[in-house]
C-alpha atoms as a PDB file:
ATOM      1  CA  UNK A   1      47.092  10.730  40.161  1.00  0.00           C
ATOM      2  CA  UNK A   2      48.471  10.885  36.862  1.00  0.00           C
ATOM      3  CA  UNK A   3      51.127  13.474  36.387  1.00  0.00           C
ATOM      4  CA  UNK A   4      49.989  16.067  34.098  1.00  0.00           C
ATOM      5  CA  UNK A   5      52.850  18.159  33.961  1.00  0.00           C
ATOM      6  CA  UNK A   6      54.111  19.462  30.236  1.00  0.00           C
ATOM      7  CA  UNK A   7      50.713  18.917  28.471  1.00  0.00           C
ATOM      8  CA  UNK A   8      47.221  19.833  27.928  1.00  0.00           C
ATOM      9  CA  UNK A   9      44.684  18.719  30.723  1.00  0.00           C
ATOM     10  CA  UNK A  10      41.320  18.899  31.408  1.00  0.00           C
ATOM     11  CA  UNK A  11      41.045  21.894  34.292  1.00  0.00           C
ATOM     12  CA  UNK A  12      43.325  24.106  32.425  1.00  0.00           C
ATOM     13  CA  UNK A  13      41.469  26.288  30.051  1.00  0.00           C
ATOM     14  CA  UNK A  14      42.019  26.502  26.719  1.00  0.00           C
ATOM     15  CA  UNK A  15      43.645  29.370  25.276  1.00  0.00           C
ATOM     16  CA  UNK A  16      39.800  31.129  23.064  1.00  0.00           C
ATOM     17  CA  UNK A  17      38.477  34.469  22.419  1.00  0.00           C
ATOM     18  CA  UNK A  18      34.767  33.545  23.015  1.00  0.00           C
ATOM     19  CA  UNK A  19      35.547  31.629  26.117  1.00  0.00           C
ATOM     20  CA  UNK A  20      37.580  34.225  27.524  1.00  0.00           C
ATOM     21  CA  UNK A  21      34.568  36.930  26.795  1.00  0.00           C
ATOM     22  CA  UNK A  22      32.434  35.075  28.900  1.00  0.00           C
ATOM     23  CA  UNK A  23      31.992  34.377  32.590  1.00  0.00           C
ATOM     24  CA  UNK A  24      33.792  31.534  34.133  1.00  0.00           C
ATOM     25  CA  UNK A  25      31.923  28.562  35.235  1.00  0.00           C
ATOM     26  CA  UNK A  26      32.659  26.450  38.155  1.00  0.00           C
ATOM     27  CA  UNK A  27      32.199  22.030  37.530  1.00  0.00           C
ATOM     28  CA  UNK A  28      31.396  19.037  39.553  1.00  0.00           C
ATOM     29  CA  UNK A  29      34.651  17.692  38.225  1.00  0.00           C
ATOM     30  CA  UNK A  30      36.620  20.732  37.260  1.00  0.00           C
ATOM     31  CA  UNK A  31      40.831  20.201  38.044  1.00  0.00           C
ATOM     32  CA  UNK A  32      41.251  16.565  38.699  1.00  0.00           C
ATOM     33  CA  UNK A  33      43.308  14.089  37.186  1.00  0.00           C
ATOM     34  CA  UNK A  34      41.482  11.068  38.701  1.00  0.00           C
ATOM     35  CA  UNK A  35      37.760  11.552  38.685  1.00  0.00           C
ATOM     36  CA  UNK A  36      37.551   8.602  40.984  1.00  0.00           C
ATOM     37  CA  UNK A  37      38.174  11.173  44.012  1.00  0.00           C
ATOM     38  CA  UNK A  38      35.463  13.678  43.481  1.00  0.00           C
ATOM     39  CA  UNK A  39      32.673  11.653  42.357  1.00  0.00           C
ATOM     40  CA  UNK A  40      29.855  12.555  44.216  1.00  0.00           C
ATOM     41  CA  UNK A  41      29.203   9.599  47.626  1.00  0.00           C
ATOM     42  CA  UNK A  42      25.323   8.778  46.467  1.00  0.00           C
ATOM     43  CA  UNK A  43      23.816   8.438  43.682  1.00  0.00           C
ATOM     44  CA  UNK A  44      19.940   9.200  43.403  1.00  0.00           C
ATOM     45  CA  UNK A  45      18.816   5.942  41.366  1.00  0.00           C
ATOM     46  CA  UNK A  46      16.713   2.930  43.099  1.00  0.00           C
ATOM     47  CA  UNK A  47      18.746  -0.646  41.707  1.00  0.00           C
ATOM     48  CA  UNK A  48      15.490  -2.942  42.125  1.00  0.00           C
ATOM     49  CA  UNK A  49      15.016  -5.505  44.926  1.00  0.00           C
ATOM     50  CA  UNK A  50      18.172  -7.550  44.476  1.00  0.00           C
ATOM     51  CA  UNK A  51      21.555  -6.391  45.558  1.00  0.00           C
ATOM     52  CA  UNK A  52      24.332  -5.628  43.289  1.00  0.00           C
ATOM     53  CA  UNK A  53      28.142  -5.964  42.643  1.00  0.00           C
ATOM     54  CA  UNK A  54      29.365  -3.065  45.468  1.00  0.00           C
ATOM     55  CA  UNK A  55      31.337  -1.236  42.656  1.00  0.00           C
ATOM     56  CA  UNK A  56      28.231  -0.688  40.580  1.00  0.00           C
ATOM     57  CA  UNK A  57      26.919   0.571  43.706  1.00  0.00           C
ATOM     58  CA  UNK A  58      30.132   3.051  44.652  1.00  0.00           C
ATOM     59  CA  UNK A  59      31.163   4.192  41.118  1.00  0.00           C
ATOM     60  CA  UNK A  60      29.581   3.662  38.223  1.00  0.00           C
ATOM     61  CA  UNK A  61      26.009   4.346  39.366  1.00  0.00           C
ATOM     62  CA  UNK A  62      27.684   8.256  40.964  1.00  0.00           C
ATOM     63  CA  UNK A  63      29.789   8.910  37.784  1.00  0.00           C
ATOM     64  CA  UNK A  64      26.244   8.494  35.935  1.00  0.00           C
ATOM     65  CA  UNK A  65      24.912  11.208  38.502  1.00  0.00           C
ATOM     66  CA  UNK A  66      28.197  13.132  37.979  1.00  0.00           C
ATOM     67  CA  UNK A  67      27.183  13.230  34.546  1.00  0.00           C
ATOM     68  CA  UNK A  68      23.842  14.066  34.591  1.00  0.00           C
ATOM     69  CA  UNK A  69      25.172  16.877  37.100  1.00  0.00           C
ATOM     70  CA  UNK A  70      27.345  18.630  34.589  1.00  0.00           C
ATOM     71  CA  UNK A  71      25.572  17.936  31.703  1.00  0.00           C
ATOM     72  CA  UNK A  72      23.085  20.294  33.674  1.00  0.00           C
ATOM     73  CA  UNK A  73      26.012  22.953  34.788  1.00  0.00           C
ATOM     74  CA  UNK A  74      26.612  23.253  31.365  1.00  0.00           C
ATOM     75  CA  UNK A  75      23.641  23.573  29.954  1.00  0.00           C
ATOM     76  CA  UNK A  76      21.976  24.144  26.386  1.00  0.00           C
ATOM     77  CA  UNK A  77      25.298  26.186  24.629  1.00  0.00           C
ATOM     78  CA  UNK A  78      28.630  25.622  26.493  1.00  0.00           C
ATOM     79  CA  UNK A  79      32.100  26.461  24.669  1.00  0.00           C
ATOM     80  CA  UNK A  80      34.221  23.745  23.599  1.00  0.00           C
ATOM     81  CA  UNK A  81      36.664  25.097  26.275  1.00  0.00           C
ATOM     82  CA  UNK A  82      33.837  24.592  29.106  1.00  0.00           C
ATOM     83  CA  UNK A  83      32.952  20.992  28.008  1.00  0.00           C
ATOM     84  CA  UNK A  84      36.605  20.312  28.186  1.00  0.00           C
ATOM     85  CA  UNK A  85      37.479  21.990  31.801  1.00  0.00           C
ATOM     86  CA  UNK A  86      34.125  20.547  32.790  1.00  0.00           C
ATOM     87  CA  UNK A  87      36.174  16.698  32.684  1.00  0.00           C
ATOM     88  CA  UNK A  88      33.046  15.265  30.951  1.00  0.00           C
ATOM     89  CA  UNK A  89      35.672  13.159  28.228  1.00  0.00           C
ATOM     90  CA  UNK A  90      37.701  11.505  31.780  1.00  0.00           C
ATOM     91  CA  UNK A  91      34.677  10.954  33.649  1.00  0.00           C
ATOM     92  CA  UNK A  92      32.817   9.273  30.288  1.00  0.00           C
ATOM     93  CA  UNK A  93      36.751   6.869  30.111  1.00  0.00           C
ATOM     94  CA  UNK A  94      35.470   6.063  34.104  1.00  0.00           C
ATOM     95  CA  UNK A  95      32.107   5.218  32.693  1.00  0.00           C
ATOM     96  CA  UNK A  96      33.607   2.733  29.814  1.00  0.00           C
ATOM     97  CA  UNK A  97      36.139   0.914  31.940  1.00  0.00           C
ATOM     98  CA  UNK A  98      33.455   0.365  34.701  1.00  0.00           C
ATOM     99  CA  UNK A  99      30.285  -0.498  32.269  1.00  0.00           C
ATOM    100  CA  UNK A 100      33.213  -2.951  30.235  1.00  0.00           C
ATOM    101  CA  UNK A 101      34.064  -4.654  33.109  1.00  0.00           C
ATOM    102  CA  UNK A 102      30.030  -5.550  34.164  1.00  0.00           C
ATOM    103  CA  UNK A 103      29.123  -5.814  30.599  1.00  0.00           C
ATOM    104  CA  UNK A 104      26.962  -9.129  31.743  1.00  0.00           C
ATOM    105  CA  UNK A 105      25.013  -6.599  34.363  1.00  0.00           C
ATOM    106  CA  UNK A 106      23.265  -5.062  31.063  1.00  0.00           C
ATOM    107  CA  UNK A 107      21.452  -6.482  27.704  1.00  0.00           C
ATOM    108  CA  UNK A 108      24.309  -6.562  25.049  1.00  0.00           C
ATOM    109  CA  UNK A 109      22.123  -3.896  22.392  1.00  0.00           C
ATOM    110  CA  UNK A 110      21.608  -1.753  24.963  1.00  0.00           C
ATOM    111  CA  UNK A 111      25.208  -1.224  26.464  1.00  0.00           C
ATOM    112  CA  UNK A 112      26.722  -1.341  23.288  1.00  0.00           C
ATOM    113  CA  UNK A 113      24.378   1.910  22.031  1.00  0.00           C
ATOM    114  CA  UNK A 114      25.130   3.796  25.681  1.00  0.00           C
ATOM    115  CA  UNK A 115      28.766   3.078  24.781  1.00  0.00           C
ATOM    116  CA  UNK A 116      28.532   4.383  21.267  1.00  0.00           C
ATOM    117  CA  UNK A 117      26.610   7.303  21.968  1.00  0.00           C
ATOM    118  CA  UNK A 118      29.328   8.280  24.958  1.00  0.00           C
ATOM    119  CA  UNK A 119      32.153   7.808  22.543  1.00  0.00           C
ATOM    120  CA  UNK A 120      30.603  10.173  20.229  1.00  0.00           C
ATOM    121  CA  UNK A 121      30.506  13.178  22.578  1.00  0.00           C
ATOM    122  CA  UNK A 122      34.000  12.275  23.978  1.00  0.00           C
ATOM    123  CA  UNK A 123      35.741  12.297  20.312  1.00  0.00           C
ATOM    124  CA  UNK A 124      34.069  15.603  19.357  1.00  0.00           C
ATOM    125  CA  UNK A 125      35.088  16.854  22.768  1.00  0.00           C
ATOM    126  CA  UNK A 126      38.609  15.234  22.066  1.00  0.00           C
ATOM    127  CA  UNK A 127      39.042  17.078  18.262  1.00  0.00           C
ATOM    128  CA  UNK A 128      38.573  20.353  20.334  1.00  0.00           C
ATOM    129  CA  UNK A 129      41.290  19.989  22.566  1.00  0.00           C
ATOM    130  CA  UNK A 130      43.683  18.790  19.856  1.00  0.00           C
ATOM    131  CA  UNK A 131      43.121  21.896  18.352  1.00  0.00           C
ATOM    132  CA  UNK A 132      43.629  24.261  21.518  1.00  0.00           C
ATOM    133  CA  UNK A 133      47.443  21.449  21.576  1.00  0.00           C
ATOM    134  CA  UNK A 134      48.069  22.598  17.660  1.00  0.00           C
ATOM    135  CA  UNK A 135      47.344  25.867  18.618  1.00  0.00           C
ATOM    136  CA  UNK A 136      49.749  26.002  21.621  1.00  0.00           C
ATOM    137  CA  UNK A 137      52.446  24.285  19.962  1.00  0.00           C
ATOM    138  CA  UNK A 138      52.812  26.803  16.698  1.00  0.00           C
ATOM    139  CA  UNK A 139      52.779  29.530  19.051  1.00  0.00           C
ATOM    140  CA  UNK A 140      55.611  28.279  20.801  1.00  0.00           C
ATOM    141  CA  UNK A 141      57.298  27.901  17.502  1.00  0.00           C
ATOM    142  CA  UNK A 142      56.391  31.783  16.980  1.00  0.00           C
ATOM    143  CA  UNK A 143      56.824  33.560  20.517  1.00  0.00           C
ATOM    144  CA  UNK A 144      56.501  37.347  18.531  1.00  0.00           C
ATOM    145  CA  UNK A 145      53.317  36.178  16.695  1.00  0.00           C
ATOM    146  CA  UNK A 146      52.072  33.581  14.177  1.00  0.00           C
ATOM    147  CA  UNK A 147      51.968  34.566  10.948  1.00  0.00           C
ATOM    148  CA  UNK A 148      48.666  35.364   9.083  1.00  0.00           C
ATOM    149  CA  UNK A 149      48.666  32.689   6.635  1.00  0.00           C
ATOM    150  CA  UNK A 150      49.177  29.877   9.023  1.00  0.00           C
ATOM    151  CA  UNK A 151      47.005  31.753  12.001  1.00  0.00           C
ATOM    152  CA  UNK A 152      44.432  32.101   9.089  1.00  0.00           C
ATOM    153  CA  UNK A 153      44.423  27.923   8.764  1.00  0.00           C
ATOM    154  CA  UNK A 154      44.012  27.503  12.501  1.00  0.00           C
ATOM    155  CA  UNK A 155      40.726  29.647  12.816  1.00  0.00           C
ATOM    156  CA  UNK A 156      39.214  27.862  10.141  1.00  0.00           C
ATOM    157  CA  UNK A 157      40.301  24.657  11.815  1.00  0.00           C
ATOM    158  CA  UNK A 158      38.882  25.521  15.470  1.00  0.00           C
ATOM    159  CA  UNK A 159      35.889  26.613  13.790  1.00  0.00           C
ATOM    160  CA  UNK A 160      35.334  23.600  12.208  1.00  0.00           C
ATOM    161  CA  UNK A 161      36.290  21.543  15.406  1.00  0.00           C
ATOM    162  CA  UNK A 162      33.554  23.707  17.448  1.00  0.00           C
ATOM    163  CA  UNK A 163      30.774  23.095  14.804  1.00  0.00           C
ATOM    164  CA  UNK A 164      31.657  19.562  15.201  1.00  0.00           C
ATOM    165  CA  UNK A 165      31.470  20.000  19.151  1.00  0.00           C
ATOM    166  CA  UNK A 166      27.840  22.005  19.155  1.00  0.00           C
ATOM    167  CA  UNK A 167      26.635  19.202  16.874  1.00  0.00           C
ATOM    168  CA  UNK A 168      27.732  16.203  19.037  1.00  0.00           C
ATOM    169  CA  UNK A 169      26.987  17.951  22.485  1.00  0.00           C
ATOM    170  CA  UNK A 170      23.454  19.451  21.266  1.00  0.00           C
ATOM    171  CA  UNK A 171      22.680  15.582  20.101  1.00  0.00           C
ATOM    172  CA  UNK A 172      24.123  13.929  23.443  1.00  0.00           C
ATOM    173  CA  UNK A 173      22.086  16.386  25.536  1.00  0.00           C
ATOM    174  CA  UNK A 174      18.637  16.208  23.766  1.00  0.00           C
ATOM    175  CA  UNK A 175      18.547  12.819  23.214  1.00  0.00           C
ATOM    176  CA  UNK A 176      21.269  10.623  24.149  1.00  0.00           C
ATOM    177  CA  UNK A 177      22.054  11.109  27.881  1.00  0.00           C
ATOM    178  CA  UNK A 178      18.150   9.884  28.827  1.00  0.00           C
ATOM    179  CA  UNK A 179      18.712   6.925  26.978  1.00  0.00           C
ATOM    180  CA  UNK A 180      22.911   6.527  28.583  1.00  0.00           C
ATOM    181  CA  UNK A 181      20.986   6.941  32.110  1.00  0.00           C
ATOM    182  CA  UNK A 182      18.273   4.931  31.657  1.00  0.00           C
ATOM    183  CA  UNK A 183      20.262   1.924  30.722  1.00  0.00           C
ATOM    184  CA  UNK A 184      23.437   1.801  33.111  1.00  0.00           C
ATOM    185  CA  UNK A 185      21.565   3.382  35.992  1.00  0.00           C
ATOM    186  CA  UNK A 186      19.592  -0.299  35.394  1.00  0.00           C
ATOM    187  CA  UNK A 187      22.454  -2.833  36.447  1.00  0.00           C
ATOM    188  CA  UNK A 188      20.520  -6.588  36.556  1.00  0.00           C
ATOM    189  CA  UNK A 189      20.154  -7.747  40.358  1.00  0.00           C
ATOM    190  CA  UNK A 190      22.098 -10.342  41.608  1.00  0.00           C
ATOM    191  CA  UNK A 191      20.411 -13.477  43.450  1.00  0.00           C
ATOM    192  CA  UNK A 192      19.624 -12.204  46.492  1.00  0.00           C
ATOM    193  CA  UNK A 193      20.848 -15.416  48.603  1.00  0.00           C
ATOM    194  CA  UNK A 194      23.840 -14.559  48.274  1.00  0.00           C
ATOM    195  CA  UNK A 195      25.911 -13.496  50.862  1.00  0.00           C
ATOM    196  CA  UNK A 196      27.494 -10.426  51.203  1.00  0.00           C
ATOM    197  CA  UNK A 197      30.515 -11.357  51.557  1.00  0.00           C
ATOM    198  CA  UNK A 198      30.123 -14.188  48.891  1.00  0.00           C
ATOM    199  CA  UNK A 199      29.113 -11.024  46.785  1.00  0.00           C
ATOM    200  CA  UNK A 200      31.979  -9.381  47.837  1.00  0.00           C
ATOM    201  CA  UNK A 201      34.536 -11.840  46.549  1.00  0.00           C
ATOM    202  CA  UNK A 202      32.685 -12.196  43.170  1.00  0.00           C
ATOM    203  CA  UNK A 203      33.205  -8.585  42.766  1.00  0.00           C
ATOM    204  CA  UNK A 204      36.732  -8.626  43.579  1.00  0.00           C
ATOM    205  CA  UNK A 205      37.175 -11.619  40.967  1.00  0.00           C
ATOM    206  CA  UNK A 206      35.244 -10.010  38.271  1.00  0.00           C
ATOM    207  CA  UNK A 207      37.760  -6.746  38.902  1.00  0.00           C
ATOM    208  CA  UNK A 208      40.904  -8.526  39.043  1.00  0.00           C
ATOM    209  CA  UNK A 209      39.567 -10.636  35.899  1.00  0.00           C
ATOM    210  CA  UNK A 210      39.217  -7.325  34.078  1.00  0.00           C
ATOM    211  CA  UNK A 211      42.440  -5.550  34.686  1.00  0.00           C
ATOM    212  CA  UNK A 212      44.393  -8.687  34.343  1.00  0.00           C
ATOM    213  CA  UNK A 213      42.514  -8.483  30.414  1.00  0.00           C
ATOM    214  CA  UNK A 214      43.587  -5.215  29.781  1.00  0.00           C
ATOM    215  CA  UNK A 215      47.120  -6.070  30.679  1.00  0.00           C
ATOM    216  CA  UNK A 216      46.982  -8.326  28.025  1.00  0.00           C
ATOM    217  CA  UNK A 217      45.506  -5.977  25.825  1.00  0.00           C
ATOM    218  CA  UNK A 218      48.817  -3.870  26.816  1.00  0.00           C
ATOM    219  CA  UNK A 219      51.252  -6.393  25.897  1.00  0.00           C
ATOM    220  CA  UNK A 220      49.265  -7.257  22.470  1.00  0.00           C
ATOM    221  CA  UNK A 221      49.614  -3.783  21.377  1.00  0.00           C
ATOM    222  CA  UNK A 222      52.840  -3.245  22.430  1.00  0.00           C
ATOM    223  CA  UNK A 223      54.314   0.019  24.085  1.00  0.00           C
ATOM    224  CA  UNK A 224      57.718   0.706  22.015  1.00  0.00           C
ATOM    225  CA  UNK A 225      55.882   1.032  18.037  1.00  0.00           C
ATOM    226  CA  UNK A 226      58.384   2.933  15.992  1.00  0.00           C
ATOM    227  CA  UNK A 227      55.021   4.415  14.269  1.00  0.00           C
ATOM    228  CA  UNK A 228      53.527   7.075  15.596  1.00  0.00           C
ATOM    229  CA  UNK A 229      49.895   6.002  15.206  1.00  0.00           C
ATOM    230  CA  UNK A 230      50.831   2.487  16.792  1.00  0.00           C
ATOM    231  CA  UNK A 231      52.895   3.947  19.630  1.00  0.00           C
ATOM    232  CA  UNK A 232      49.811   5.792  20.273  1.00  0.00           C
ATOM    233  CA  UNK A 233      47.340   2.804  20.454  1.00  0.00           C
ATOM    234  CA  UNK A 234      49.900   1.509  23.104  1.00  0.00           C
ATOM    235  CA  UNK A 235      49.456   5.006  25.161  1.00  0.00           C
ATOM    236  CA  UNK A 236      45.539   4.344  24.973  1.00  0.00           C
ATOM    237  CA  UNK A 237      45.634   0.651  25.967  1.00  0.00           C
ATOM    238  CA  UNK A 238      47.693   1.832  29.078  1.00  0.00           C
ATOM    239  CA  UNK A 239      45.804   4.827  29.872  1.00  0.00           C
ATOM    240  CA  UNK A 240      42.439   1.683  30.109  1.00  0.00           C
ATOM    241  CA  UNK A 241      44.829  -0.245  32.444  1.00  0.00           C
ATOM    242  CA  UNK A 242      45.707   2.997  34.428  1.00  0.00           C
ATOM    243  CA  UNK A 243      42.370   4.662  34.872  1.00  0.00           C
ATOM    244  CA  UNK A 244      41.298   0.875  36.098  1.00  0.00           C
ATOM    245  CA  UNK A 245      43.734   0.523  38.931  1.00  0.00           C
ATOM    246  CA  UNK A 246      42.738   4.041  39.970  1.00  0.00           C
ATOM    247  CA  UNK A 247      39.172   2.953  40.103  1.00  0.00           C
ATOM    248  CA  UNK A 248      39.868  -0.595  42.139  1.00  0.00           C
ATOM    249  CA  UNK A 249      42.356   0.734  44.524  1.00  0.00           C
ATOM    250  CA  UNK A 250      39.868   0.100  47.487  1.00  0.00           C
ATOM    251  CA  UNK A 251      38.986  -3.330  46.346  1.00  0.00           C
ATOM    252  CA  UNK A 252      42.421  -4.683  44.963  1.00  0.00           C
ATOM    253  CA  UNK A 253      45.785  -4.118  46.077  1.00  0.00           C
ATOM    254  CA  UNK A 254      46.947  -2.481  43.871  1.00  0.00           C
ATOM    255  CA  UNK A 255      50.447  -1.946  44.152  1.00  0.00           C
ATOM    256  CA  UNK A 256      51.008   2.362  43.882  1.00  0.00           C
ATOM    257  CA  UNK A 257      54.473   2.473  42.390  1.00  0.00           C
ATOM    258  CA  UNK A 258      52.839   0.841  39.375  1.00  0.00           C
ATOM    259  CA  UNK A 259      50.209   2.949  38.922  1.00  0.00           C
ATOM    260  CA  UNK A 260      53.284   6.349  39.568  1.00  0.00           C
ATOM    261  CA  UNK A 261      55.095   4.220  36.764  1.00  0.00           C
ATOM    262  CA  UNK A 262      51.882   4.037  34.749  1.00  0.00           C
ATOM    263  CA  UNK A 263      50.665   7.497  35.149  1.00  0.00           C
ATOM    264  CA  UNK A 264      55.051   8.938  34.267  1.00  0.00           C
ATOM    265  CA  UNK A 265      54.405   7.008  31.409  1.00  0.00           C
ATOM    266  CA  UNK A 266      51.196   8.055  29.789  1.00  0.00           C
ATOM    267  CA  UNK A 267      51.472  11.591  30.598  1.00  0.00           C
ATOM    268  CA  UNK A 268      55.488  11.040  28.177  1.00  0.00           C
ATOM    269  CA  UNK A 269      53.727   9.584  25.628  1.00  0.00           C
ATOM    270  CA  UNK A 270      51.547  12.906  25.751  1.00  0.00           C
ATOM    271  CA  UNK A 271      53.847  15.062  25.409  1.00  0.00           C
ATOM    272  CA  UNK A 272      54.909  13.179  22.538  1.00  0.00           C
ATOM    273  CA  UNK A 273      51.333  12.964  21.251  1.00  0.00           C
ATOM    274  CA  UNK A 274      50.863  17.092  21.431  1.00  0.00           C
ATOM    275  CA  UNK A 275      54.083  17.320  19.029  1.00  0.00           C
ATOM    276  CA  UNK A 276      52.713  14.682  16.888  1.00  0.00           C
ATOM    277  CA  UNK A 277      49.327  16.777  16.177  1.00  0.00           C
ATOM    278  CA  UNK A 278      51.092  19.709  15.398  1.00  0.00           C
ATOM    279  CA  UNK A 279      53.871  18.381  13.243  1.00  0.00           C
ATOM    280  CA  UNK A 280      51.032  16.052  10.623  1.00  0.00           C
ATOM    281  CA  UNK A 281      48.673  19.129  10.556  1.00  0.00           C
ATOM    282  CA  UNK A 282      51.636  21.672   9.617  1.00  0.00           C
ATOM    283  CA  UNK A 283      52.864  19.044   7.170  1.00  0.00           C
ATOM    284  CA  UNK A 284      49.099  18.642   5.892  1.00  0.00           C
ATOM    285  CA  UNK A 285      48.355  22.387   5.420  1.00  0.00           C
ATOM    286  CA  UNK A 286      51.958  22.326   3.873  1.00  0.00           C
ATOM    287  CA  UNK A 287      53.602  24.155   6.109  1.00  0.00           C
ATOM    288  CA  UNK A 288      56.855  22.176   5.458  1.00  0.00           C
ATOM    289  CA  UNK A 289      59.794  24.010   7.501  1.00  0.00           C
ATOM    290  CA  UNK A 290      57.322  24.180  10.718  1.00  0.00           C
ATOM    291  CA  UNK A 291      56.386  20.782   9.801  1.00  0.00           C
ATOM    292  CA  UNK A 292      59.942  19.767  10.031  1.00  0.00           C
ATOM    293  CA  UNK A 293      60.653  21.688  12.977  1.00  0.00           C
ATOM    294  CA  UNK A 294      57.609  19.389  15.120  1.00  0.00           C
ATOM    295  CA  UNK A 295      58.920  16.312  13.555  1.00  0.00           C
ATOM    296  CA  UNK A 296      62.504  16.480  14.837  1.00  0.00           C
ATOM    297  CA  UNK A 297      60.747  17.439  18.269  1.00  0.00           C
ATOM    298  CA  UNK A 298      58.620  14.764  18.079  1.00  0.00           C
ATOM    299  CA  UNK A 299      60.876  11.743  17.075  1.00  0.00           C
ATOM    300  CA  UNK A 300      63.183  13.583  19.807  1.00  0.00           C
ATOM    301  CA  UNK A 301      60.043  12.906  22.680  1.00  0.00           C
ATOM    302  CA  UNK A 302      59.249   9.361  20.397  1.00  0.00           C
ATOM    303  CA  UNK A 303      63.168   7.809  21.222  1.00  0.00           C
ATOM    304  CA  UNK A 304      63.024   9.073  25.023  1.00  0.00           C
ATOM    305  CA  UNK A 305      59.705   8.036  25.639  1.00  0.00           C
ATOM    306  CA  UNK A 306      59.884   4.166  24.156  1.00  0.00           C
ATOM    307  CA  UNK A 307      63.311   3.919  25.911  1.00  0.00           C
ATOM    308  CA  UNK A 308      60.892   4.929  29.497  1.00  0.00           C
ATOM    309  CA  UNK A 309      58.707   2.206  28.047  1.00  0.00           C
ATOM    310  CA  UNK A 310      61.563  -0.421  27.798  1.00  0.00           C
ATOM    311  CA  UNK A 311      62.451   0.627  31.228  1.00  0.00           C
ATOM    312  CA  UNK A 312      59.110   0.373  32.476  1.00  0.00           C
ATOM    313  CA  UNK A 313      58.464  -2.970  31.064  1.00  0.00           C
ATOM    314  CA  UNK A 314      61.040  -4.423  32.519  1.00  0.00           C
ATOM    315  CA  UNK A 315      59.979  -3.158  35.991  1.00  0.00           C
ATOM    316  CA  UNK A 316      57.288  -6.149  35.840  1.00  0.00           C
ATOM    317  CA  UNK A 317      54.679  -3.381  36.680  1.00  0.00           C
ATOM    318  CA  UNK A 318      52.124  -5.061  34.105  1.00  0.00           C
ATOM    319  CA  UNK A 319      53.283  -8.769  35.500  1.00  0.00           C
ATOM    320  CA  UNK A 320      52.076  -7.074  39.344  1.00  0.00           C
ATOM    321  CA  UNK A 321      48.461  -5.785  37.967  1.00  0.00           C
ATOM    322  CA  UNK A 322      47.849  -9.237  36.060  1.00  0.00           C
ATOM    323  CA  UNK A 323      48.787 -11.026  39.660  1.00  0.00           C
ATOM    324  CA  UNK A 324      45.967  -8.514  42.148  1.00  0.00           C
END
């Protein structure tokens, strides 16, 4: 499970006056940092006449079911805060990594289209969440109250992000959800003459190969870049490995120390990214002195995490994951 101390997580409400004035709703996946732990044990979908890969039935189809349930709980007009707290974005990441591992179980064009639809709504939620991080970091600069000029810009930024979210969510709920569910809930059946043991072995081999490919991508992208954006790309690549490892620990011999080390590094990179978000916004808005403070904070955190990444790589964790 990812250690989330020190940075914004879904499951901790964003500070937002509009959301605070409304009754608090509880959501299916709220409060977790490991979606796999709380996915429904069953799903409502029929899977055709033949067998399917076990991980599809145990994880991806329950995730699709959970997505439908969560959208139902959110209703027509959720606040961006509620969408973030519902953990939809984490759930979508799980769905994306699983569907990627089993992409040959789906028609290529349909899977690509479903993937785009999922990423679009997840992006809108993520941009809203980034605003929450931005507001939090600026509040830390001014514990006695943010200057009106800065807060006015922040409020305008929030309004823009809220509007983008509402538009993306409305489209997803009315048009895209049904398509995504229809595609992902219908994986192709396997040859019915194959034995259960043969299917399980093939499933393990598939997941192992997928995990190995993600590890290769981390090494290709790199974890020790000086450029902030390339540095962040390294975090995202490692997060896909972490998500896959969390989702396959009951199938593959995933070493727990490797998962814990990845969790810590993803967390640390995220803390640095929070400062980068604030630094770049303040810089672009012309608040030079505030931007300078955030820039200094970012580089201190960045350099610490580069050292942590070097230790992580020397620990051989990626090699362990590649060979499971």
